[in-house]
Amino acid sequence: MRKILAVLSIAGLVFMACGGGASSPEDAVNGMFDAMKSGDIDAMAQYLPEDERSEITEMSDEEKEMVQGMMAMTSAIEYEIKGTVIDGETAVVTVEVTFMGNTDEQEMDLMLENGS
C-alpha cells in the first residue's frame, strides 16, 4: 500500500523529478507528464530520484495494475510550462495544470542526476 501511495503522490505532482535522460528541465517535466498520462509506471519511475525509484520498480504486478487503473483518469490532465529557474544542479519548473475543470499552478523541483 505504501508503494501505491507513493505513485499517487506523483500523480498529485508532489515529487522531485529527475532527468530520466532528459536534456533540459522542461524535457523532464514533459516526459513525466507523458508517462503519467499514458499510465506508464515504469517510465514514470525514470523521472524520480534514484533512491526513490524502488518504490515503483519493486511493485508487484498486481500493485502496478491497481495503480494503472487509478491513474487512467490522469490522461485528461492538461498542462502548460510557464517558466523555469535553473540554479546549478537544481531547477524549479512552474507548470499550470488543468484537471477535472480545476486549474492550478504547481512548482516542480528537479535535480540534475547522473548528468541529466
Protein backbone atom coordinates (compact mmCIF):
# COMPACT_ATOMS: atom_id res chain seq x y z
CA MET A 1 0.00 0.00 0.00
CA ARG A 2 2.89 2.37 0.74
CA LYS A 3 4.11 1.94 -2.84
CA ILE A 4 0.69 2.75 -4.21
CA LEU A 5 0.56 5.93 -2.14
CA ALA A 6 3.98 6.90 -3.44
CA VAL A 7 2.76 6.61 -7.01
CA LEU A 8 -0.41 8.52 -6.25
CA SER A 9 1.63 11.31 -4.71
CA ILE A 10 3.47 11.51 -8.02
CA ALA A 11 0.17 11.75 -9.83
CA GLY A 12 -0.68 14.57 -7.44
CA LEU A 13 2.51 16.33 -8.56
CA VAL A 14 4.22 16.07 -5.20
CA PHE A 15 7.59 14.78 -6.27
CA MET A 16 11.21 15.57 -7.02
CA ALA A 17 11.65 14.90 -10.68
CA CYS A 18 14.96 13.82 -12.14
CA GLY A 19 16.19 13.91 -15.68
CA GLY A 20 15.16 10.47 -16.88
CA GLY A 21 17.61 11.04 -19.72
CA ALA A 22 16.13 14.47 -20.44
CA SER A 23 18.36 17.21 -21.78
CA SER A 24 16.52 20.05 -20.01
CA PRO A 25 14.19 20.55 -17.04
CA GLU A 26 11.32 21.15 -19.46
CA ASP A 27 12.06 17.84 -21.23
CA ALA A 28 11.96 16.07 -17.85
CA VAL A 29 8.59 17.62 -16.99
CA ASN A 30 7.18 16.76 -20.42
CA GLY A 31 8.48 13.20 -20.11
CA MET A 32 6.99 12.79 -16.66
CA PHE A 33 3.59 14.08 -17.77
CA ASP A 34 3.65 11.90 -20.89
CA ALA A 35 4.42 8.82 -18.79
CA MET A 36 1.79 9.74 -16.22
CA LYS A 37 -0.91 10.45 -18.81
CA SER A 38 -0.23 7.15 -20.57
CA GLY A 39 -0.22 5.23 -17.28
CA ASP A 40 3.34 4.00 -17.84
CA ILE A 41 4.51 3.49 -14.28
CA ASP A 42 7.94 2.19 -15.28
CA ALA A 43 8.58 5.28 -17.43
CA MET A 44 7.43 7.50 -14.55
CA ALA A 45 9.99 5.85 -12.30
CA GLN A 46 12.79 7.13 -14.53
CA TYR A 47 11.89 10.69 -13.50
CA LEU A 48 12.19 10.03 -9.77
CA PRO A 49 15.38 10.41 -7.77
CA GLU A 50 17.39 7.22 -7.96
CA ASP A 51 16.92 6.48 -4.26
CA GLU A 52 13.11 6.64 -4.61
CA ARG A 53 12.67 4.59 -7.79
CA SER A 54 12.40 1.30 -5.92
CA GLU A 55 9.01 2.43 -4.57
CA ILE A 56 7.74 1.85 -8.11
CA THR A 57 10.15 -0.64 -9.65
CA GLU A 58 9.65 -3.14 -6.83
CA MET A 59 5.84 -3.13 -7.07
CA SER A 60 4.19 -6.42 -7.74
CA ASP A 61 2.29 -6.83 -11.00
CA GLU A 62 -0.93 -6.69 -9.00
CA GLU A 63 0.05 -3.39 -7.37
CA LYS A 64 1.01 -1.93 -10.76
CA GLU A 65 -2.34 -2.95 -12.24
CA MET A 66 -4.18 -1.29 -9.35
CA VAL A 67 -2.21 1.93 -9.73
CA GLN A 68 -2.65 1.95 -13.51
CA GLY A 69 -6.39 1.62 -13.02
CA MET A 70 -6.41 4.58 -10.64
CA MET A 71 -4.21 6.58 -12.99
CA ALA A 72 -6.47 6.07 -16.00
CA MET A 73 -8.14 9.38 -15.28
CA THR A 74 -4.82 11.28 -15.46
CA SER A 75 -4.96 11.06 -19.25
CA ALA A 76 -7.31 14.06 -19.06
CA ILE A 77 -4.65 16.28 -17.47
CA GLU A 78 -3.67 19.31 -19.49
CA TYR A 79 -0.59 21.29 -18.61
CA GLU A 80 1.48 24.21 -19.77
CA ILE A 81 5.01 25.02 -18.68
CA LYS A 82 5.01 28.65 -17.55
CA GLY A 83 8.66 29.10 -16.63
CA THR A 84 11.89 27.56 -15.45
CA VAL A 85 14.51 28.78 -12.99
CA ILE A 86 17.80 26.88 -13.04
CA ASP A 87 20.23 27.18 -10.13
CA GLY A 88 23.29 24.98 -10.57
CA GLU A 89 22.17 21.36 -10.35
CA THR A 90 18.57 22.14 -9.40
CA ALA A 91 15.66 23.70 -11.24
CA VAL A 92 12.13 24.78 -10.49
CA VAL A 93 9.65 24.44 -13.33
CA THR A 94 6.34 26.25 -12.93
CA VAL A 95 3.51 24.34 -14.56
CA GLU A 96 -0.12 25.31 -14.97
CA VAL A 97 -2.15 22.12 -14.57
CA THR A 98 -5.80 21.71 -15.52
CA PHE A 99 -7.59 18.61 -14.29
CA MET A 100 -11.29 17.96 -13.89
CA GLY A 101 -12.14 21.61 -14.53
CA ASN A 102 -9.68 22.96 -11.96
CA THR A 103 -6.57 24.89 -12.90
CA ASP A 104 -3.68 25.28 -10.51
CA GLU A 105 -0.08 26.36 -10.78
CA GLN A 106 2.48 23.89 -9.46
CA GLU A 107 6.19 24.34 -8.86
CA MET A 108 8.08 21.18 -9.69
CA ASP A 109 11.51 20.79 -8.11
CA LEU A 110 14.04 18.98 -10.26
CA MET A 111 17.65 18.00 -9.74
CA LEU A 112 20.46 17.00 -12.02
CA GLU A 113 21.26 13.33 -11.55
CA ASN A 114 23.81 11.28 -13.45
CA GLY A 115 24.27 14.07 -15.98
CA SER A 116 20.63 14.54 -16.92
